[in-house]
Amino acid sequence: MKTDRFSIAHDSPADQRALVIEEQMTDEERFSLLVSVIGENPVIPLTRDERIPEGTPMSLDYTPGVPRLGVPALLVSDASLGVINPGFPEGDTATALPASIALGSSFNPQLARSSGRMIALEAHSSP
């Protein structure tokens, strides 16, 4: 597929696709990707940030996307110790993990992969 400066084949390497998209961004759009916000939290008195759409899980940070360029919003979690559900609601089944240094000191790549998969599944299923 022939491409120009502002279009690129979907099967092109990710870094090339990212560069083409980034070149089209305004500074305001670039800066908006540097900040993630977290919403309501029953433990820490925060209210939902107006940039977070209703229905977005609050155990994750939210970074708005750039819809005009097809950049999706990002949901991220600092979950190396497990996914937390703020306020520990009844029925919370999040798994608490040992410190990352303990996982690393096991020198067990399979254990690290299993831990990462478990965190991904819990983050995906968080309310």
N, C-alpha and C. Protein backbone atom coordinates (compact mmCIF):
# COMPACT_ATOMS: atom_id res chain seq x y z
N MET A 1 0.85 -1.18 0.00
CA MET A 1 0.00 0.00 0.00
C MET A 1 0.89 1.24 0.00
N LYS A 2 0.61 2.16 -0.90
CA LYS A 2 1.37 3.40 -0.96
C LYS A 2 0.93 4.33 0.17
N THR A 3 1.92 4.98 0.79
CA THR A 3 1.60 5.87 1.89
C THR A 3 2.20 7.24 1.63
N ASP A 4 1.68 8.23 2.30
CA ASP A 4 2.28 9.56 2.27
C ASP A 4 2.54 9.96 3.71
N ARG A 5 2.87 11.21 3.93
CA ARG A 5 3.25 11.66 5.27
C ARG A 5 2.14 11.46 6.30
N PHE A 6 0.88 11.53 5.89
CA PHE A 6 -0.21 11.45 6.87
C PHE A 6 -1.07 10.21 6.74
N SER A 7 -0.61 9.22 6.03
CA SER A 7 -1.31 7.95 6.03
C SER A 7 -0.26 6.85 5.97
N ILE A 8 -0.60 5.73 6.50
CA ILE A 8 0.37 4.63 6.55
C ILE A 8 -0.40 3.32 6.64
N ALA A 9 0.16 2.29 6.06
CA ALA A 9 -0.49 0.98 6.06
C ALA A 9 -0.61 0.45 7.49
N HIS A 10 -1.73 -0.22 7.76
CA HIS A 10 -1.97 -0.77 9.10
C HIS A 10 -0.98 -1.86 9.46
N ASP A 11 -0.34 -2.48 8.45
CA ASP A 11 0.63 -3.52 8.76
C ASP A 11 2.06 -2.98 8.85
N SER A 12 2.21 -1.66 8.85
CA SER A 12 3.52 -1.05 9.04
C SER A 12 3.94 -1.21 10.50
N PRO A 13 5.24 -1.15 10.78
CA PRO A 13 5.69 -1.25 12.18
C PRO A 13 5.02 -0.19 13.06
N ALA A 14 4.77 -0.56 14.31
CA ALA A 14 4.06 0.32 15.25
C ALA A 14 4.75 1.67 15.41
N ASP A 15 6.09 1.70 15.45
CA ASP A 15 6.77 2.98 15.65
C ASP A 15 6.56 3.91 14.46
N GLN A 16 6.45 3.36 13.25
CA GLN A 16 6.18 4.20 12.08
C GLN A 16 4.75 4.74 12.13
N ARG A 17 3.80 3.89 12.49
CA ARG A 17 2.40 4.34 12.59
C ARG A 17 2.27 5.42 13.66
N ALA A 18 2.95 5.21 14.79
CA ALA A 18 2.89 6.20 15.88
C ALA A 18 3.46 7.54 15.44
N LEU A 19 4.55 7.52 14.71
CA LEU A 19 5.17 8.76 14.25
C LEU A 19 4.24 9.53 13.32
N VAL A 20 3.59 8.84 12.41
CA VAL A 20 2.66 9.51 11.49
C VAL A 20 1.51 10.16 12.27
N ILE A 21 0.98 9.45 13.26
CA ILE A 21 -0.11 10.00 14.07
C ILE A 21 0.39 11.18 14.90
N GLU A 22 1.53 11.01 15.56
CA GLU A 22 2.05 12.08 16.43
C GLU A 22 2.32 13.35 15.64
N GLU A 23 2.79 13.24 14.40
CA GLU A 23 3.07 14.42 13.57
C GLU A 23 1.80 15.24 13.31
N GLN A 24 0.64 14.61 13.39
CA GLN A 24 -0.62 15.29 13.13
C GLN A 24 -1.24 15.91 14.38
N MET A 25 -0.68 15.61 15.55
CA MET A 25 -1.25 16.10 16.81
C MET A 25 -0.91 17.56 17.05
N THR A 26 -1.85 18.22 17.71
CA THR A 26 -1.57 19.56 18.20
C THR A 26 -0.79 19.42 19.51
N ASP A 27 -0.17 20.50 19.96
CA ASP A 27 0.54 20.44 21.24
C ASP A 27 -0.43 20.09 22.37
N GLU A 28 -1.64 20.65 22.32
CA GLU A 28 -2.63 20.35 23.36
C GLU A 28 -2.94 18.85 23.41
N GLU A 29 -3.06 18.21 22.24
CA GLU A 29 -3.31 16.77 22.21
C GLU A 29 -2.12 15.99 22.74
N ARG A 30 -0.93 16.40 22.39
CA ARG A 30 0.28 15.73 22.91
C ARG A 30 0.32 15.82 24.44
N PHE A 31 0.11 17.02 24.97
CA PHE A 31 0.17 17.21 26.41
C PHE A 31 -0.93 16.44 27.13
N SER A 32 -2.09 16.27 26.49
CA SER A 32 -3.18 15.54 27.14
C SER A 32 -2.83 14.08 27.37
N LEU A 33 -1.89 13.55 26.62
CA LEU A 33 -1.49 12.15 26.78
C LEU A 33 -0.46 11.95 27.89
N LEU A 34 0.01 13.05 28.48
CA LEU A 34 1.02 12.95 29.53
C LEU A 34 0.42 12.80 30.92
N VAL A 35 -0.89 12.97 31.03
CA VAL A 35 -1.54 12.97 32.35
C VAL A 35 -2.63 11.91 32.37
N SER A 36 -2.67 11.15 33.45
CA SER A 36 -3.82 10.26 33.65
C SER A 36 -4.53 10.73 34.91
N VAL A 37 -5.81 10.52 34.94
CA VAL A 37 -6.62 10.97 36.07
C VAL A 37 -7.34 9.78 36.66
N ILE A 38 -7.62 9.87 37.94
CA ILE A 38 -8.36 8.81 38.61
C ILE A 38 -9.61 9.44 39.21
N GLY A 39 -10.66 8.68 39.24
CA GLY A 39 -11.94 9.23 39.66
C GLY A 39 -12.27 8.99 41.10
N GLU A 40 -13.54 8.76 41.36
CA GLU A 40 -14.05 8.61 42.71
C GLU A 40 -13.29 7.55 43.50
N ASN A 41 -13.09 7.83 44.76
CA ASN A 41 -12.39 6.90 45.62
C ASN A 41 -12.98 7.04 47.02
N PRO A 42 -13.58 5.97 47.54
CA PRO A 42 -14.21 6.07 48.86
C PRO A 42 -13.21 6.20 50.02
N VAL A 43 -11.95 5.88 49.79
CA VAL A 43 -10.94 5.96 50.84
C VAL A 43 -10.32 7.34 50.88
N ILE A 44 -9.95 7.86 49.72
CA ILE A 44 -9.36 9.19 49.59
C ILE A 44 -10.45 10.08 49.02
N PRO A 45 -10.79 11.18 49.67
CA PRO A 45 -11.92 12.00 49.21
C PRO A 45 -11.64 12.70 47.88
N LEU A 46 -11.92 11.99 46.79
CA LEU A 46 -11.82 12.54 45.45
C LEU A 46 -13.17 12.44 44.77
N THR A 47 -13.46 13.34 43.88
CA THR A 47 -14.67 13.22 43.07
C THR A 47 -14.25 12.86 41.65
N ARG A 48 -15.17 12.29 40.91
CA ARG A 48 -14.90 11.87 39.54
C ARG A 48 -14.45 13.06 38.71
N ASP A 49 -13.30 12.93 38.07
CA ASP A 49 -12.81 13.96 37.15
C ASP A 49 -13.74 13.99 35.94
N GLU A 50 -14.11 15.20 35.51
CA GLU A 50 -15.08 15.33 34.42
C GLU A 50 -14.57 14.76 33.10
N ARG A 51 -13.28 14.50 32.97
CA ARG A 51 -12.74 13.92 31.74
C ARG A 51 -12.95 12.41 31.65
N ILE A 52 -13.36 11.80 32.77
CA ILE A 52 -13.55 10.35 32.80
C ILE A 52 -15.00 10.02 32.48
N PRO A 53 -15.24 9.27 31.41
CA PRO A 53 -16.62 8.91 31.07
C PRO A 53 -17.25 8.02 32.14
N GLU A 54 -18.55 8.18 32.34
CA GLU A 54 -19.28 7.30 33.25
C GLU A 54 -19.07 5.86 32.80
N GLY A 55 -19.00 4.96 33.77
CA GLY A 55 -18.83 3.54 33.45
C GLY A 55 -17.38 3.11 33.35
N THR A 56 -16.44 4.06 33.47
CA THR A 56 -15.02 3.70 33.44
C THR A 56 -14.61 3.15 34.79
N PRO A 57 -13.93 1.99 34.82
CA PRO A 57 -13.52 1.42 36.11
C PRO A 57 -12.66 2.40 36.90
N MET A 58 -12.94 2.54 38.18
CA MET A 58 -12.23 3.51 38.99
C MET A 58 -11.00 2.93 39.67
N SER A 59 -10.70 1.65 39.44
CA SER A 59 -9.47 1.09 39.97
C SER A 59 -8.32 1.33 39.00
N LEU A 60 -8.59 2.04 37.92
CA LEU A 60 -7.60 2.30 36.89
C LEU A 60 -7.47 3.80 36.65
N ASP A 61 -6.29 4.22 36.22
CA ASP A 61 -6.11 5.60 35.79
C ASP A 61 -6.60 5.71 34.36
N TYR A 62 -7.09 6.89 33.99
CA TYR A 62 -7.68 7.13 32.68
C TYR A 62 -6.92 8.25 31.97
N THR A 63 -6.52 8.00 30.74
CA THR A 63 -5.91 9.02 29.90
C THR A 63 -6.80 9.17 28.68
N PRO A 64 -7.40 10.36 28.48
CA PRO A 64 -8.26 10.55 27.31
C PRO A 64 -7.48 10.31 26.02
N GLY A 65 -8.15 9.81 25.01
CA GLY A 65 -7.52 9.58 23.72
C GLY A 65 -7.58 10.81 22.83
N VAL A 66 -7.28 10.61 21.58
CA VAL A 66 -7.39 11.66 20.56
C VAL A 66 -8.29 11.08 19.48
N PRO A 67 -9.61 11.20 19.65
CA PRO A 67 -10.56 10.55 18.75
C PRO A 67 -10.37 10.92 17.27
N ARG A 68 -10.04 12.17 16.98
CA ARG A 68 -9.94 12.57 15.56
C ARG A 68 -8.82 11.84 14.83
N LEU A 69 -7.85 11.29 15.58
CA LEU A 69 -6.75 10.56 14.97
C LEU A 69 -6.82 9.05 15.25
N GLY A 70 -7.92 8.64 15.88
CA GLY A 70 -8.09 7.22 16.17
C GLY A 70 -7.27 6.71 17.33
N VAL A 71 -6.77 7.62 18.18
CA VAL A 71 -5.99 7.22 19.35
C VAL A 71 -6.98 6.93 20.48
N PRO A 72 -7.03 5.69 20.96
CA PRO A 72 -8.01 5.36 21.99
C PRO A 72 -7.60 5.89 23.36
N ALA A 73 -8.59 6.02 24.24
CA ALA A 73 -8.31 6.33 25.64
C ALA A 73 -7.54 5.16 26.24
N LEU A 74 -6.74 5.46 27.24
CA LEU A 74 -5.95 4.43 27.90
C LEU A 74 -6.44 4.22 29.32
N LEU A 75 -6.53 2.98 29.74
CA LEU A 75 -6.80 2.63 31.12
C LEU A 75 -5.56 1.91 31.62
N VAL A 76 -4.95 2.42 32.68
CA VAL A 76 -3.72 1.83 33.18
C VAL A 76 -3.82 1.60 34.68
N SER A 77 -3.02 0.67 35.15
CA SER A 77 -3.00 0.36 36.57
C SER A 77 -1.56 0.14 36.99
N ASP A 78 -1.19 0.72 38.12
CA ASP A 78 0.10 0.46 38.72
C ASP A 78 -0.11 -0.76 39.61
N ALA A 79 -0.14 -1.91 38.98
CA ALA A 79 -0.64 -3.10 39.66
C ALA A 79 0.40 -4.18 39.88
N SER A 80 1.65 -3.84 40.01
CA SER A 80 2.65 -4.90 40.19
C SER A 80 2.45 -5.66 41.49
N LEU A 81 1.72 -5.07 42.44
CA LEU A 81 1.42 -5.75 43.71
C LEU A 81 -0.01 -6.28 43.74
N GLY A 82 -0.70 -6.17 42.61
CA GLY A 82 -2.08 -6.62 42.52
C GLY A 82 -3.00 -5.45 42.25
N VAL A 83 -4.18 -5.75 41.75
CA VAL A 83 -5.16 -4.74 41.40
C VAL A 83 -5.97 -4.40 42.65
N ILE A 84 -6.11 -3.11 42.92
CA ILE A 84 -6.85 -2.67 44.11
C ILE A 84 -8.21 -2.15 43.68
N ASN A 85 -9.19 -2.47 44.46
CA ASN A 85 -10.52 -1.90 44.29
C ASN A 85 -10.71 -0.92 45.42
N PRO A 86 -10.70 0.39 45.13
CA PRO A 86 -10.74 1.40 46.19
C PRO A 86 -11.87 1.17 47.19
N GLY A 87 -11.52 1.23 48.45
CA GLY A 87 -12.52 1.08 49.50
C GLY A 87 -12.76 -0.35 49.91
N PHE A 88 -12.15 -1.29 49.24
CA PHE A 88 -12.31 -2.70 49.55
C PHE A 88 -13.78 -3.08 49.71
N PRO A 89 -14.56 -2.93 48.63
CA PRO A 89 -15.99 -3.24 48.73
C PRO A 89 -16.22 -4.72 49.05
N GLU A 90 -17.38 -4.99 49.63
CA GLU A 90 -17.73 -6.36 49.96
C GLU A 90 -17.68 -7.20 48.69
N GLY A 91 -17.10 -8.37 48.78
CA GLY A 91 -16.98 -9.24 47.62
C GLY A 91 -15.72 -8.98 46.79
N ASP A 92 -14.88 -8.03 47.23
CA ASP A 92 -13.64 -7.72 46.53
C ASP A 92 -12.77 -8.97 46.52
N THR A 93 -12.36 -9.38 45.33
CA THR A 93 -11.54 -10.58 45.22
C THR A 93 -10.15 -10.29 44.67
N ALA A 94 -9.72 -9.03 44.72
CA ALA A 94 -8.39 -8.69 44.22
C ALA A 94 -7.33 -9.46 45.02
N THR A 95 -6.35 -9.96 44.31
CA THR A 95 -5.28 -10.73 44.93
C THR A 95 -4.13 -9.81 45.30
N ALA A 96 -3.71 -9.85 46.56
CA ALA A 96 -2.54 -9.08 47.00
C ALA A 96 -1.30 -9.92 46.71
N LEU A 97 -0.34 -9.32 46.03
CA LEU A 97 0.88 -10.03 45.66
C LEU A 97 2.06 -9.56 46.50
N PRO A 98 3.09 -10.40 46.61
CA PRO A 98 4.28 -9.96 47.32
C PRO A 98 5.01 -8.87 46.53
N ALA A 99 5.94 -8.22 47.17
CA ALA A 99 6.71 -7.16 46.53
C ALA A 99 7.38 -7.67 45.25
N SER A 100 7.49 -6.79 44.28
CA SER A 100 8.09 -7.15 43.00
C SER A 100 9.52 -7.66 43.15
N ILE A 101 10.24 -7.15 44.14
CA ILE A 101 11.61 -7.62 44.34
C ILE A 101 11.63 -9.10 44.74
N ALA A 102 10.60 -9.56 45.42
CA ALA A 102 10.51 -10.98 45.77
C ALA A 102 10.28 -11.82 44.52
N LEU A 103 9.41 -11.34 43.64
CA LEU A 103 9.17 -12.04 42.37
C LEU A 103 10.46 -12.09 41.56
N GLY A 104 11.16 -10.96 41.47
CA GLY A 104 12.41 -10.91 40.71
C GLY A 104 13.47 -11.82 41.30
N SER A 105 13.53 -11.90 42.60
CA SER A 105 14.57 -12.72 43.24
C SER A 105 14.29 -14.21 43.09
N SER A 106 13.11 -14.57 42.61
CA SER A 106 12.82 -15.98 42.36
C SER A 106 13.53 -16.47 41.09
N PHE A 107 13.94 -15.53 40.22
CA PHE A 107 14.58 -15.88 38.94
C PHE A 107 13.74 -16.89 38.17
N ASN A 108 12.42 -16.70 38.24
CA ASN A 108 11.50 -17.64 37.62
C ASN A 108 10.65 -16.89 36.58
N PRO A 109 11.08 -16.86 35.31
CA PRO A 109 10.33 -16.13 34.28
C PRO A 109 8.89 -16.61 34.14
N GLN A 110 8.65 -17.91 34.28
CA GLN A 110 7.29 -18.42 34.17
C GLN A 110 6.40 -17.87 35.28
N LEU A 111 6.92 -17.76 36.48
CA LEU A 111 6.17 -17.19 37.60
C LEU A 111 5.86 -15.71 37.32
N ALA A 112 6.81 -14.99 36.77
CA ALA A 112 6.57 -13.57 36.44
C ALA A 112 5.50 -13.45 35.37
N ARG A 113 5.54 -14.30 34.34
CA ARG A 113 4.51 -14.25 33.30
C ARG A 113 3.13 -14.59 33.88
N SER A 114 3.09 -15.61 34.73
CA SER A 114 1.82 -16.00 35.36
C SER A 114 1.27 -14.86 36.21
N SER A 115 2.14 -14.19 36.94
CA SER A 115 1.73 -13.05 37.76
C SER A 115 1.16 -11.94 36.88
N GLY A 116 1.84 -11.65 35.79
CA GLY A 116 1.36 -10.62 34.86
C GLY A 116 0.01 -10.97 34.25
N ARG A 117 -0.18 -12.23 33.88
CA ARG A 117 -1.47 -12.65 33.33
C ARG A 117 -2.58 -12.50 34.36
N MET A 118 -2.30 -12.88 35.61
CA MET A 118 -3.31 -12.77 36.66
C MET A 118 -3.69 -11.31 36.89
N ILE A 119 -2.69 -10.43 36.92
CA ILE A 119 -2.96 -9.00 37.10
C ILE A 119 -3.81 -8.48 35.94
N ALA A 120 -3.47 -8.88 34.72
CA ALA A 120 -4.23 -8.43 33.54
C ALA A 120 -5.69 -8.87 33.62
N LEU A 121 -5.91 -10.11 34.02
CA LEU A 121 -7.28 -10.62 34.13
C LEU A 121 -8.06 -9.88 35.21
N GLU A 122 -7.42 -9.62 36.36
CA GLU A 122 -8.10 -8.91 37.43
C GLU A 122 -8.37 -7.45 37.04
N ALA A 123 -7.41 -6.82 36.38
CA ALA A 123 -7.62 -5.43 35.96
C ALA A 123 -8.76 -5.34 34.94
N HIS A 124 -8.80 -6.30 34.05
CA HIS A 124 -9.85 -6.30 33.02
C HIS A 124 -11.23 -6.51 33.64
N SER A 125 -11.30 -7.27 34.72
CA SER A 125 -12.59 -7.56 35.32
C SER A 125 -12.98 -6.62 36.46
N SER A 126 -12.11 -5.62 36.76
CA SER A 126 -12.40 -4.67 37.85
C SER A 126 -13.65 -3.86 37.54
N PRO A 127 -14.43 -3.54 38.59
CA PRO A 127 -15.64 -2.74 38.38
C PRO A 127 -15.29 -1.30 38.03
